Amino acid sequence: ALELRQHRDHLSEMIEERTHDLLLAKLAAEKANKSKSEFLTNMSHELRTPLHAMLAFSGFGIQKINAGSREKLGQYFLHIKESAERLTHLVNDLLDLSKLEAGKIILAPVTSNLCDLVMQVIGEFGALATQKHIELHDDFDADMALITCDIERIHQVLTNIIGNAIKFSPENARVSICLRTQSQEISANLPLHQSFELHIID
């Protein structure tokens, strides 16, 4: 009887351990699935912007192929090229399964000019703004310092902010994108710290 009881207790412990392991595996699978869903949802939103820009600017080019100036047509082709490059980066991110499995994105910080990044995003939404008869106005500080950032991630942030300002503004509106610098002294022995403010006014 003692041996039978010991065997039963051992079996009960094994079942408890297996149940605990299965529960942990279930939770891990649910977390991974949630991360994948969030990644794909965000990525599908990001993909629409360059696709829309390519379609819109190519449509403008077709309309003005006989009447438009070479300079204007060249600008359309440039916007199409920039949007295609942006789309390529996004597709590469989508195909990088390690990001899906890890549920995170590895940052690649580089030195870049914030004004240039904002102007690039404004250019991508130029077609949408034209279609809605929205005037885009940029107002940047003359002396904007370089920043260290992950260009792709900052581009996504700017795309969401500026894109929403245009999408949710009524027709014939004016959207102003303002960049301001603020210098704050950290200590007497350290240089001034530069911070940036982005204001969207519609």
N, C-alpha and C. Protein backbone atom coordinates (compact mmCIF):
# COMPACT_ATOMS: atom_id res chain seq x y z
N ALA A 1 0.82 -1.19 0.00
CA ALA A 1 0.00 0.00 0.00
C ALA A 1 0.86 1.26 0.00
N LEU A 2 1.98 1.21 0.75
CA LEU A 2 2.87 2.37 0.81
C LEU A 2 3.48 2.65 -0.55
N GLU A 3 3.89 1.56 -1.20
CA GLU A 3 4.50 1.72 -2.54
C GLU A 3 3.50 2.30 -3.53
N LEU A 4 2.26 1.82 -3.41
CA LEU A 4 1.21 2.33 -4.30
C LEU A 4 0.94 3.80 -4.05
N ARG A 5 0.92 4.21 -2.77
CA ARG A 5 0.69 5.61 -2.42
C ARG A 5 1.82 6.49 -2.93
N GLN A 6 3.06 6.01 -2.77
CA GLN A 6 4.22 6.77 -3.25
C GLN A 6 4.17 6.93 -4.78
N HIS A 7 3.77 5.84 -5.44
CA HIS A 7 3.67 5.90 -6.89
C HIS A 7 2.58 6.89 -7.31
N ARG A 8 1.47 6.90 -6.58
CA ARG A 8 0.38 7.83 -6.88
C ARG A 8 0.80 9.27 -6.64
N ASP A 9 1.53 9.51 -5.52
CA ASP A 9 2.01 10.87 -5.24
C ASP A 9 2.99 11.34 -6.30
N HIS A 10 3.86 10.44 -6.74
CA HIS A 10 4.83 10.79 -7.77
C HIS A 10 4.12 11.13 -9.08
N LEU A 11 3.09 10.33 -9.38
CA LEU A 11 2.31 10.59 -10.59
C LEU A 11 1.61 11.94 -10.51
N SER A 12 1.10 12.27 -9.33
CA SER A 12 0.42 13.54 -9.13
C SER A 12 1.39 14.71 -9.32
N GLU A 13 2.62 14.57 -8.81
CA GLU A 13 3.63 15.61 -8.98
C GLU A 13 3.99 15.79 -10.45
N MET A 14 4.11 14.67 -11.15
CA MET A 14 4.43 14.74 -12.58
C MET A 14 3.33 15.46 -13.37
N ILE A 15 2.07 15.16 -13.00
CA ILE A 15 0.94 15.81 -13.67
C ILE A 15 0.94 17.30 -13.40
N GLU A 16 1.22 17.68 -12.15
CA GLU A 16 1.26 19.10 -11.78
C GLU A 16 2.37 19.82 -12.55
N GLU A 17 3.54 19.19 -12.61
CA GLU A 17 4.66 19.80 -13.34
C GLU A 17 4.33 19.95 -14.82
N ARG A 18 3.73 18.91 -15.39
CA ARG A 18 3.39 18.95 -16.81
C ARG A 18 2.32 20.01 -17.08
N THR A 19 1.34 20.10 -16.16
CA THR A 19 0.30 21.12 -16.30
C THR A 19 0.90 22.51 -16.22
N HIS A 20 1.84 22.69 -15.29
CA HIS A 20 2.51 24.00 -15.15
C HIS A 20 3.30 24.33 -16.41
N ASP A 21 4.02 23.37 -16.96
CA ASP A 21 4.79 23.58 -18.18
C ASP A 21 3.88 23.93 -19.35
N LEU A 22 2.76 23.23 -19.44
CA LEU A 22 1.81 23.50 -20.53
C LEU A 22 1.21 24.90 -20.39
N LEU A 23 0.95 25.31 -19.14
CA LEU A 23 0.41 26.64 -18.90
C LEU A 23 1.40 27.72 -19.32
N LEU A 24 2.68 27.51 -18.95
CA LEU A 24 3.72 28.46 -19.35
C LEU A 24 3.85 28.51 -20.87
N ALA A 25 3.81 27.36 -21.53
CA ALA A 25 3.90 27.31 -22.99
C ALA A 25 2.72 28.03 -23.63
N LYS A 26 1.53 27.85 -23.03
CA LYS A 26 0.33 28.52 -23.56
C LYS A 26 0.46 30.04 -23.44
N LEU A 27 0.92 30.50 -22.27
CA LEU A 27 1.10 31.93 -22.07
C LEU A 27 2.14 32.51 -23.02
N ALA A 28 3.23 31.76 -23.22
CA ALA A 28 4.28 32.22 -24.14
C ALA A 28 3.76 32.29 -25.56
N ALA A 29 2.96 31.30 -25.97
CA ALA A 29 2.40 31.29 -27.31
C ALA A 29 1.43 32.45 -27.51
N GLU A 30 0.61 32.72 -26.48
CA GLU A 30 -0.33 33.83 -26.57
C GLU A 30 0.40 35.16 -26.66
N LYS A 31 1.48 35.31 -25.90
CA LYS A 31 2.26 36.54 -25.94
C LYS A 31 2.91 36.73 -27.30
N ALA A 32 3.47 35.64 -27.85
CA ALA A 32 4.10 35.72 -29.17
C ALA A 32 3.07 36.04 -30.24
N ASN A 33 1.88 35.44 -30.13
CA ASN A 33 0.84 35.69 -31.11
C ASN A 33 0.35 37.14 -31.04
N LYS A 34 0.26 37.68 -29.82
CA LYS A 34 -0.14 39.07 -29.65
C LYS A 34 0.90 40.01 -30.25
N SER A 35 2.19 39.70 -30.02
CA SER A 35 3.26 40.53 -30.57
C SER A 35 3.23 40.51 -32.10
N LYS A 36 2.99 39.33 -32.67
CA LYS A 36 2.92 39.22 -34.13
C LYS A 36 1.74 40.02 -34.67
N SER A 37 0.59 39.91 -33.98
CA SER A 37 -0.60 40.64 -34.44
C SER A 37 -0.38 42.14 -34.40
N GLU A 38 0.22 42.62 -33.29
CA GLU A 38 0.49 44.05 -33.16
C GLU A 38 1.49 44.51 -34.22
N PHE A 39 2.52 43.71 -34.46
CA PHE A 39 3.52 44.06 -35.46
C PHE A 39 2.90 44.14 -36.85
N LEU A 40 2.09 43.15 -37.20
CA LEU A 40 1.46 43.12 -38.52
C LEU A 40 0.45 44.25 -38.69
N THR A 41 -0.28 44.56 -37.60
CA THR A 41 -1.24 45.67 -37.67
C THR A 41 -0.53 46.98 -37.92
N ASN A 42 0.53 47.23 -37.15
CA ASN A 42 1.30 48.46 -37.34
C ASN A 42 1.95 48.51 -38.71
N MET A 43 2.47 47.37 -39.16
CA MET A 43 3.15 47.34 -40.45
C MET A 43 2.18 47.58 -41.60
N SER A 44 0.98 47.01 -41.51
CA SER A 44 0.00 47.22 -42.58
C SER A 44 -0.38 48.69 -42.68
N HIS A 45 -0.42 49.37 -41.53
CA HIS A 45 -0.69 50.81 -41.53
C HIS A 45 0.45 51.57 -42.19
N GLU A 46 1.68 51.17 -41.88
CA GLU A 46 2.85 51.84 -42.45
C GLU A 46 2.95 51.62 -43.96
N LEU A 47 2.54 50.45 -44.43
CA LEU A 47 2.66 50.13 -45.86
C LEU A 47 1.75 51.00 -46.72
N ARG A 48 0.63 51.42 -46.16
CA ARG A 48 -0.35 52.17 -46.95
C ARG A 48 0.19 53.53 -47.39
N THR A 49 1.01 54.17 -46.56
CA THR A 49 1.47 55.52 -46.86
C THR A 49 2.33 55.58 -48.12
N PRO A 50 3.42 54.79 -48.22
CA PRO A 50 4.19 54.85 -49.47
C PRO A 50 3.44 54.33 -50.68
N LEU A 51 2.56 53.34 -50.48
CA LEU A 51 1.77 52.83 -51.60
C LEU A 51 0.84 53.92 -52.14
N HIS A 52 0.20 54.63 -51.22
CA HIS A 52 -0.71 55.70 -51.64
C HIS A 52 0.07 56.79 -52.36
N ALA A 53 1.26 57.12 -51.84
CA ALA A 53 2.08 58.16 -52.47
C ALA A 53 2.50 57.76 -53.88
N MET A 54 2.90 56.51 -54.06
CA MET A 54 3.33 56.04 -55.38
C MET A 54 2.18 56.11 -56.38
N LEU A 55 0.99 55.67 -55.94
CA LEU A 55 -0.17 55.70 -56.83
C LEU A 55 -0.57 57.13 -57.17
N ALA A 56 -0.55 58.00 -56.16
CA ALA A 56 -0.98 59.37 -56.38
C ALA A 56 -0.02 60.12 -57.29
N PHE A 57 1.28 60.05 -57.01
CA PHE A 57 2.25 60.79 -57.81
C PHE A 57 2.37 60.23 -59.23
N SER A 58 2.23 58.91 -59.38
CA SER A 58 2.25 58.35 -60.73
C SER A 58 1.00 58.80 -61.49
N GLY A 59 -0.13 58.93 -60.77
CA GLY A 59 -1.36 59.43 -61.40
C GLY A 59 -1.20 60.87 -61.85
N PHE A 60 -0.56 61.71 -61.01
CA PHE A 60 -0.30 63.09 -61.39
C PHE A 60 0.58 63.15 -62.63
N GLY A 61 1.58 62.26 -62.67
CA GLY A 61 2.50 62.24 -63.81
C GLY A 61 1.80 61.88 -65.10
N ILE A 62 0.89 60.91 -65.03
CA ILE A 62 0.14 60.51 -66.22
C ILE A 62 -0.75 61.66 -66.71
N GLN A 63 -1.36 62.36 -65.76
CA GLN A 63 -2.23 63.48 -66.14
C GLN A 63 -1.45 64.62 -66.80
N LYS A 64 -0.21 64.83 -66.34
CA LYS A 64 0.56 65.97 -66.82
C LYS A 64 1.68 65.58 -67.77
N ILE A 65 1.63 64.37 -68.32
CA ILE A 65 2.73 63.89 -69.15
C ILE A 65 2.94 64.75 -70.40
N ASN A 66 1.87 65.34 -70.90
CA ASN A 66 1.98 66.18 -72.10
C ASN A 66 2.03 67.67 -71.77
N ALA A 67 1.43 68.06 -70.65
CA ALA A 67 1.34 69.49 -70.34
C ALA A 67 2.29 69.91 -69.22
N GLY A 68 2.76 68.99 -68.41
CA GLY A 68 3.59 69.35 -67.26
C GLY A 68 5.03 69.63 -67.66
N SER A 69 5.70 70.43 -66.84
CA SER A 69 7.10 70.76 -67.08
C SER A 69 7.98 69.57 -66.71
N ARG A 70 9.18 69.53 -67.27
CA ARG A 70 10.11 68.45 -66.95
C ARG A 70 10.49 68.47 -65.47
N GLU A 71 10.58 69.69 -64.92
CA GLU A 71 10.92 69.82 -63.51
C GLU A 71 9.84 69.21 -62.62
N LYS A 72 8.59 69.50 -62.94
CA LYS A 72 7.47 68.97 -62.16
C LYS A 72 7.39 67.45 -62.29
N LEU A 73 7.54 66.96 -63.51
CA LEU A 73 7.53 65.51 -63.71
C LEU A 73 8.69 64.85 -62.98
N GLY A 74 9.84 65.52 -62.96
CA GLY A 74 11.00 64.99 -62.24
C GLY A 74 10.72 64.89 -60.75
N GLN A 75 10.00 65.86 -60.19
CA GLN A 75 9.63 65.81 -58.78
C GLN A 75 8.71 64.64 -58.49
N TYR A 76 7.78 64.39 -59.42
CA TYR A 76 6.89 63.24 -59.23
C TYR A 76 7.69 61.94 -59.20
N PHE A 77 8.62 61.79 -60.15
CA PHE A 77 9.45 60.59 -60.19
C PHE A 77 10.29 60.45 -58.92
N LEU A 78 10.79 61.58 -58.42
CA LEU A 78 11.60 61.55 -57.20
C LEU A 78 10.77 61.07 -56.02
N HIS A 79 9.55 61.58 -55.91
CA HIS A 79 8.66 61.15 -54.81
C HIS A 79 8.32 59.66 -54.95
N ILE A 80 8.11 59.21 -56.17
CA ILE A 80 7.82 57.79 -56.39
C ILE A 80 9.01 56.94 -55.97
N LYS A 81 10.22 57.39 -56.33
CA LYS A 81 11.44 56.66 -55.97
C LYS A 81 11.61 56.61 -54.45
N GLU A 82 11.42 57.74 -53.77
CA GLU A 82 11.56 57.78 -52.32
C GLU A 82 10.53 56.88 -51.64
N SER A 83 9.31 56.89 -52.15
CA SER A 83 8.26 56.05 -51.57
C SER A 83 8.56 54.57 -51.81
N ALA A 84 9.11 54.25 -52.98
CA ALA A 84 9.47 52.86 -53.27
C ALA A 84 10.59 52.39 -52.35
N GLU A 85 11.56 53.26 -52.08
CA GLU A 85 12.64 52.91 -51.15
C GLU A 85 12.08 52.69 -49.75
N ARG A 86 11.16 53.56 -49.35
CA ARG A 86 10.53 53.43 -48.04
C ARG A 86 9.76 52.12 -47.95
N LEU A 87 9.05 51.79 -49.02
CA LEU A 87 8.28 50.54 -49.06
C LEU A 87 9.22 49.34 -48.96
N THR A 88 10.36 49.42 -49.61
CA THR A 88 11.34 48.34 -49.55
C THR A 88 11.82 48.10 -48.13
N HIS A 89 12.11 49.18 -47.40
CA HIS A 89 12.53 49.05 -46.01
C HIS A 89 11.44 48.38 -45.17
N LEU A 90 10.21 48.78 -45.40
CA LEU A 90 9.10 48.22 -44.63
C LEU A 90 8.91 46.73 -44.93
N VAL A 91 9.03 46.37 -46.20
CA VAL A 91 8.88 44.97 -46.57
C VAL A 91 10.01 44.14 -45.96
N ASN A 92 11.23 44.71 -45.96
CA ASN A 92 12.34 44.00 -45.33
C ASN A 92 12.08 43.77 -43.85
N ASP A 93 11.50 44.78 -43.19
CA ASP A 93 11.13 44.61 -41.78
C ASP A 93 10.09 43.51 -41.62
N LEU A 94 9.13 43.49 -42.52
CA LEU A 94 8.06 42.50 -42.45
C LEU A 94 8.60 41.08 -42.65
N LEU A 95 9.59 40.96 -43.51
CA LEU A 95 10.16 39.64 -43.81
C LEU A 95 11.17 39.20 -42.77
N ASP A 96 11.57 40.10 -41.88
CA ASP A 96 12.52 39.74 -40.84
C ASP A 96 11.78 39.03 -39.71
N LEU A 97 11.72 37.74 -39.81
CA LEU A 97 10.93 36.95 -38.85
C LEU A 97 11.47 37.03 -37.44
N SER A 98 12.76 37.41 -37.30
CA SER A 98 13.32 37.50 -35.96
C SER A 98 12.62 38.58 -35.16
N LYS A 99 12.17 39.63 -35.83
CA LYS A 99 11.44 40.70 -35.14
C LYS A 99 10.08 40.19 -34.67
N LEU A 100 9.48 39.34 -35.48
CA LEU A 100 8.18 38.78 -35.09
C LEU A 100 8.33 37.86 -33.89
N GLU A 101 9.36 37.02 -33.92
CA GLU A 101 9.53 36.04 -32.86
C GLU A 101 9.94 36.73 -31.56
N ALA A 102 10.80 37.73 -31.66
CA ALA A 102 11.29 38.40 -30.46
C ALA A 102 10.29 39.40 -29.92
N GLY A 103 9.37 39.85 -30.78
CA GLY A 103 8.39 40.84 -30.35
C GLY A 103 9.00 42.20 -30.11
N LYS A 104 10.14 42.46 -30.71
CA LYS A 104 10.79 43.75 -30.54
C LYS A 104 11.59 44.08 -31.79
N ILE A 105 11.99 45.34 -31.89
CA ILE A 105 12.78 45.81 -33.01
C ILE A 105 14.10 46.34 -32.49
N ILE A 106 15.19 45.90 -33.08
CA ILE A 106 16.52 46.35 -32.67
C ILE A 106 16.79 47.71 -33.29
N LEU A 107 17.13 48.69 -32.46
CA LEU A 107 17.38 50.05 -32.93
C LEU A 107 18.76 50.15 -33.57
N ALA A 108 18.85 51.00 -34.60
CA ALA A 108 20.12 51.26 -35.29
C ALA A 108 20.34 52.76 -35.33
N PRO A 109 20.81 53.37 -34.24
CA PRO A 109 20.95 54.83 -34.20
C PRO A 109 22.06 55.35 -35.09
N VAL A 110 21.77 56.44 -35.81
CA VAL A 110 22.74 57.13 -36.64
C VAL A 110 22.50 58.63 -36.47
N THR A 111 23.46 59.43 -36.90
CA THR A 111 23.32 60.88 -36.84
C THR A 111 22.58 61.37 -38.09
N SER A 112 21.54 62.16 -37.88
CA SER A 112 20.74 62.63 -39.00
C SER A 112 20.18 64.02 -38.69
N ASN A 113 19.69 64.68 -39.73
CA ASN A 113 19.09 66.00 -39.57
C ASN A 113 17.59 65.86 -39.45
N LEU A 114 17.04 66.33 -38.34
CA LEU A 114 15.62 66.17 -38.08
C LEU A 114 14.77 66.90 -39.11
N CYS A 115 15.23 68.08 -39.54
CA CYS A 115 14.48 68.84 -40.54
C CYS A 115 14.34 68.04 -41.84
N ASP A 116 15.44 67.40 -42.25
CA ASP A 116 15.41 66.61 -43.49
C ASP A 116 14.42 65.46 -43.36
N LEU A 117 14.40 64.83 -42.20
CA LEU A 117 13.48 63.71 -41.99
C LEU A 117 12.03 64.17 -42.06
N VAL A 118 11.74 65.31 -41.42
CA VAL A 118 10.37 65.83 -41.44
C VAL A 118 9.97 66.23 -42.86
N MET A 119 10.89 66.87 -43.59
CA MET A 119 10.59 67.29 -44.96
C MET A 119 10.34 66.09 -45.86
N GLN A 120 11.05 65.00 -45.62
CA GLN A 120 10.83 63.79 -46.41
C GLN A 120 9.42 63.24 -46.19
N VAL A 121 8.98 63.24 -44.93
CA VAL A 121 7.64 62.75 -44.62
C VAL A 121 6.59 63.69 -45.21
N ILE A 122 6.83 64.99 -45.11
CA ILE A 122 5.89 65.95 -45.70
C ILE A 122 5.76 65.71 -47.19
N GLY A 123 6.90 65.43 -47.86
CA GLY A 123 6.87 65.15 -49.29
C GLY A 123 6.05 63.91 -49.62
N GLU A 124 6.11 62.90 -48.76
CA GLU A 124 5.36 61.67 -49.00
C GLU A 124 3.85 61.90 -48.93
N PHE A 125 3.45 62.88 -48.12
CA PHE A 125 2.03 63.17 -47.98
C PHE A 125 1.59 64.32 -48.89
N GLY A 126 2.49 64.78 -49.76
CA GLY A 126 2.13 65.88 -50.65
C GLY A 126 0.95 65.55 -51.55
N ALA A 127 0.91 64.31 -52.03
CA ALA A 127 -0.17 63.91 -52.93
C ALA A 127 -1.51 63.90 -52.22
N LEU A 128 -1.52 63.36 -50.99
CA LEU A 128 -2.77 63.32 -50.22
C LEU A 128 -3.23 64.74 -49.90
N ALA A 129 -2.28 65.61 -49.54
CA ALA A 129 -2.62 66.99 -49.23
C ALA A 129 -3.19 67.70 -50.46
N THR A 130 -2.62 67.43 -51.63
CA THR A 130 -3.12 68.04 -52.86
C THR A 130 -4.54 67.59 -53.16
N GLN A 131 -4.78 66.30 -52.98
CA GLN A 131 -6.11 65.77 -53.25
C GLN A 131 -7.17 66.38 -52.33
N LYS A 132 -6.78 66.71 -51.10
CA LYS A 132 -7.72 67.30 -50.14
C LYS A 132 -7.65 68.83 -50.14
N HIS A 133 -6.82 69.39 -51.04
CA HIS A 133 -6.64 70.84 -51.12
C HIS A 133 -6.18 71.41 -49.78
N ILE A 134 -5.26 70.68 -49.14
CA ILE A 134 -4.71 71.10 -47.86
C ILE A 134 -3.34 71.74 -48.09
N GLU A 135 -3.13 72.89 -47.50
CA GLU A 135 -1.85 73.58 -47.61
C GLU A 135 -0.93 73.11 -46.48
N LEU A 136 0.25 72.62 -46.86
CA LEU A 136 1.24 72.18 -45.87
C LEU A 136 2.27 73.29 -45.67
N HIS A 137 2.47 73.68 -44.43
CA HIS A 137 3.39 74.76 -44.12
C HIS A 137 4.41 74.27 -43.10
N ASP A 138 5.70 74.44 -43.42
CA ASP A 138 6.75 74.05 -42.47
C ASP A 138 7.37 75.29 -41.85
N ASP A 139 7.60 75.22 -40.55
CA ASP A 139 8.15 76.33 -39.78
C ASP A 139 9.21 75.77 -38.83
N PHE A 140 10.48 75.81 -39.29
CA PHE A 140 11.56 75.22 -38.52
C PHE A 140 12.49 76.31 -37.98
N ASP A 141 13.09 76.05 -36.83
CA ASP A 141 14.14 76.93 -36.34
C ASP A 141 15.30 76.93 -37.33
N ALA A 142 15.91 78.09 -37.50
CA ALA A 142 16.98 78.21 -38.48
C ALA A 142 18.18 77.34 -38.12
N ASP A 143 18.47 77.21 -36.83
CA ASP A 143 19.64 76.46 -36.39
C ASP A 143 19.20 75.17 -35.71
N MET A 144 18.89 74.17 -36.53
CA MET A 144 18.47 72.88 -35.98
C MET A 144 19.68 71.95 -35.90
N ALA A 145 19.95 71.44 -34.72
CA ALA A 145 21.10 70.56 -34.53
C ALA A 145 20.81 69.17 -35.08
N LEU A 146 21.88 68.44 -35.36
CA LEU A 146 21.74 67.06 -35.77
C LEU A 146 21.30 66.21 -34.58
N ILE A 147 20.61 65.14 -34.85
CA ILE A 147 20.15 64.25 -33.78
C ILE A 147 20.66 62.84 -34.04
N THR A 148 20.76 62.05 -33.00
CA THR A 148 21.12 60.64 -33.12
C THR A 148 19.84 59.83 -32.90
N CYS A 149 19.47 59.07 -33.90
CA CYS A 149 18.20 58.34 -33.82
C CYS A 149 18.22 57.16 -34.78
N ASP A 150 17.24 56.29 -34.62
CA ASP A 150 16.98 55.23 -35.59
C ASP A 150 16.07 55.84 -36.65
N ILE A 151 16.59 56.06 -37.84
CA ILE A 151 15.87 56.79 -38.87
C ILE A 151 14.54 56.13 -39.21
N GLU A 152 14.53 54.81 -39.32
CA GLU A 152 13.31 54.11 -39.68
C GLU A 152 12.22 54.28 -38.62
N ARG A 153 12.61 54.19 -37.35
CA ARG A 153 11.63 54.32 -36.28
C ARG A 153 11.11 55.75 -36.17
N ILE A 154 12.01 56.73 -36.28
CA ILE A 154 11.59 58.13 -36.23
C ILE A 154 10.70 58.44 -37.44
N HIS A 155 11.04 57.86 -38.58
CA HIS A 155 10.23 58.06 -39.78
C HIS A 155 8.81 57.54 -39.55
N GLN A 156 8.69 56.40 -38.88
CA GLN A 156 7.36 55.85 -38.59
C GLN A 156 6.57 56.75 -37.67
N VAL A 157 7.25 57.30 -36.66
CA VAL A 157 6.58 58.21 -35.72
C VAL A 157 6.08 59.46 -36.45
N LEU A 158 6.97 60.05 -37.25
CA LEU A 158 6.60 61.26 -37.99
C LEU A 158 5.48 60.97 -39.00
N THR A 159 5.54 59.80 -39.62
CA THR A 159 4.50 59.42 -40.58
C THR A 159 3.13 59.34 -39.91
N ASN A 160 3.09 58.74 -38.72
CA ASN A 160 1.82 58.62 -38.00
C ASN A 160 1.28 59.99 -37.59
N ILE A 161 2.17 60.85 -37.07
CA ILE A 161 1.72 62.15 -36.57
C ILE A 161 1.26 63.05 -37.71
N ILE A 162 2.13 63.22 -38.71
CA ILE A 162 1.80 64.12 -39.82
C ILE A 162 0.67 63.54 -40.67
N GLY A 163 0.72 62.22 -40.88
CA GLY A 163 -0.34 61.58 -41.67
C GLY A 163 -1.71 61.76 -41.05
N ASN A 164 -1.81 61.59 -39.74
CA ASN A 164 -3.09 61.76 -39.07
C ASN A 164 -3.57 63.20 -39.14
N ALA A 165 -2.63 64.16 -39.03
CA ALA A 165 -3.00 65.57 -39.12
C ALA A 165 -3.63 65.88 -40.47
N ILE A 166 -3.10 65.28 -41.53
CA ILE A 166 -3.63 65.53 -42.88
C ILE A 166 -4.93 64.76 -43.10
N LYS A 167 -4.94 63.51 -42.70
CA LYS A 167 -6.11 62.66 -42.93
C LYS A 167 -7.35 63.18 -42.22
N PHE A 168 -7.17 63.69 -41.00
CA PHE A 168 -8.32 64.09 -40.19
C PHE A 168 -8.60 65.59 -40.25
N SER A 169 -7.91 66.30 -41.13
CA SER A 169 -8.20 67.72 -41.34
C SER A 169 -9.23 67.86 -42.46
N PRO A 170 -10.11 68.83 -42.38
CA PRO A 170 -11.09 69.02 -43.45
C PRO A 170 -10.42 69.55 -44.71
N GLU A 171 -11.11 69.45 -45.82
CA GLU A 171 -10.57 69.98 -47.07
C GLU A 171 -10.38 71.49 -46.97
N ASN A 172 -9.41 71.98 -47.77
CA ASN A 172 -9.08 73.41 -47.81
C ASN A 172 -8.52 73.92 -46.48
N ALA A 173 -7.97 73.02 -45.69
CA ALA A 173 -7.38 73.41 -44.41
C ALA A 173 -5.90 73.73 -44.59
N ARG A 174 -5.28 74.21 -43.54
CA ARG A 174 -3.85 74.50 -43.52
C ARG A 174 -3.24 73.74 -42.35
N VAL A 175 -2.22 72.93 -42.65
CA VAL A 175 -1.53 72.15 -41.62
C VAL A 175 -0.11 72.68 -41.51
N SER A 176 0.25 73.13 -40.32
CA SER A 176 1.58 73.68 -40.07
C SER A 176 2.39 72.69 -39.24
N ILE A 177 3.59 72.40 -39.68
CA ILE A 177 4.50 71.53 -38.95
C ILE A 177 5.63 72.39 -38.42
N CYS A 178 5.69 72.55 -37.10
CA CYS A 178 6.66 73.45 -36.47
C CYS A 178 7.69 72.64 -35.68
N LEU A 179 8.95 72.98 -35.86
CA LEU A 179 10.04 72.36 -35.09
C LEU A 179 10.74 73.45 -34.29
N ARG A 180 10.89 73.23 -33.00
CA ARG A 180 11.55 74.19 -32.14
C ARG A 180 12.64 73.51 -31.32
N THR A 181 13.72 74.23 -31.06
CA THR A 181 14.80 73.71 -30.22
C THR A 181 14.74 74.39 -28.86
N GLN A 182 15.13 73.63 -27.85
CA GLN A 182 15.24 74.18 -26.51
C GLN A 182 16.57 73.72 -25.93
N SER A 183 17.31 74.64 -25.36
CA SER A 183 18.60 74.32 -24.75
C SER A 183 18.47 74.42 -23.23
N GLN A 184 18.88 73.36 -22.58
CA GLN A 184 18.82 73.33 -21.12
C GLN A 184 20.19 72.92 -20.59
N GLU A 185 20.73 73.69 -19.67
CA GLU A 185 22.05 73.40 -19.12
C GLU A 185 21.92 72.30 -18.08
N ILE A 186 22.62 71.21 -18.30
CA ILE A 186 22.55 70.07 -17.39
C ILE A 186 23.40 70.34 -16.14
N SER A 187 24.63 70.79 -16.33
CA SER A 187 25.50 71.16 -15.22
C SER A 187 26.55 72.12 -15.74
N ALA A 188 27.32 72.68 -14.82
CA ALA A 188 28.33 73.67 -15.22
C ALA A 188 29.45 73.03 -16.03
N ASN A 189 29.64 71.73 -15.89
CA ASN A 189 30.76 71.06 -16.56
C ASN A 189 30.36 70.36 -17.85
N LEU A 190 29.06 70.39 -18.19
CA LEU A 190 28.58 69.69 -19.37
C LEU A 190 28.02 70.68 -20.37
N PRO A 191 28.10 70.36 -21.68
CA PRO A 191 27.55 71.26 -22.70
C PRO A 191 26.04 71.33 -22.63
N LEU A 192 25.47 72.31 -23.30
CA LEU A 192 24.02 72.46 -23.32
C LEU A 192 23.36 71.26 -23.97
N HIS A 193 22.25 70.87 -23.46
CA HIS A 193 21.50 69.73 -23.99
C HIS A 193 20.41 70.24 -24.93
N GLN A 194 20.36 69.67 -26.14
CA GLN A 194 19.38 70.08 -27.14
C GLN A 194 18.16 69.16 -27.10
N SER A 195 17.00 69.73 -27.01
CA SER A 195 15.78 68.95 -27.15
C SER A 195 14.92 69.59 -28.23
N PHE A 196 13.99 68.82 -28.78
CA PHE A 196 13.20 69.29 -29.91
C PHE A 196 11.73 69.13 -29.62
N GLU A 197 10.95 70.06 -30.12
CA GLU A 197 9.51 69.99 -30.00
C GLU A 197 8.89 70.00 -31.39
N LEU A 198 7.96 69.11 -31.62
CA LEU A 198 7.24 69.05 -32.90
C LEU A 198 5.80 69.42 -32.64
N HIS A 199 5.32 70.47 -33.30
CA HIS A 199 3.95 70.92 -33.14
C HIS A 199 3.21 70.77 -34.47
N ILE A 200 2.04 70.18 -34.43
CA ILE A 200 1.19 70.09 -35.61
C ILE A 200 -0.02 70.98 -35.37
N ILE A 201 -0.21 71.98 -36.21
CA ILE A 201 -1.32 72.92 -36.06
C ILE A 201 -2.20 72.83 -37.29
N ASP A 202 -3.47 72.51 -37.10
CA ASP A 202 -4.38 72.44 -38.24
C ASP A 202 -5.65 73.22 -37.95
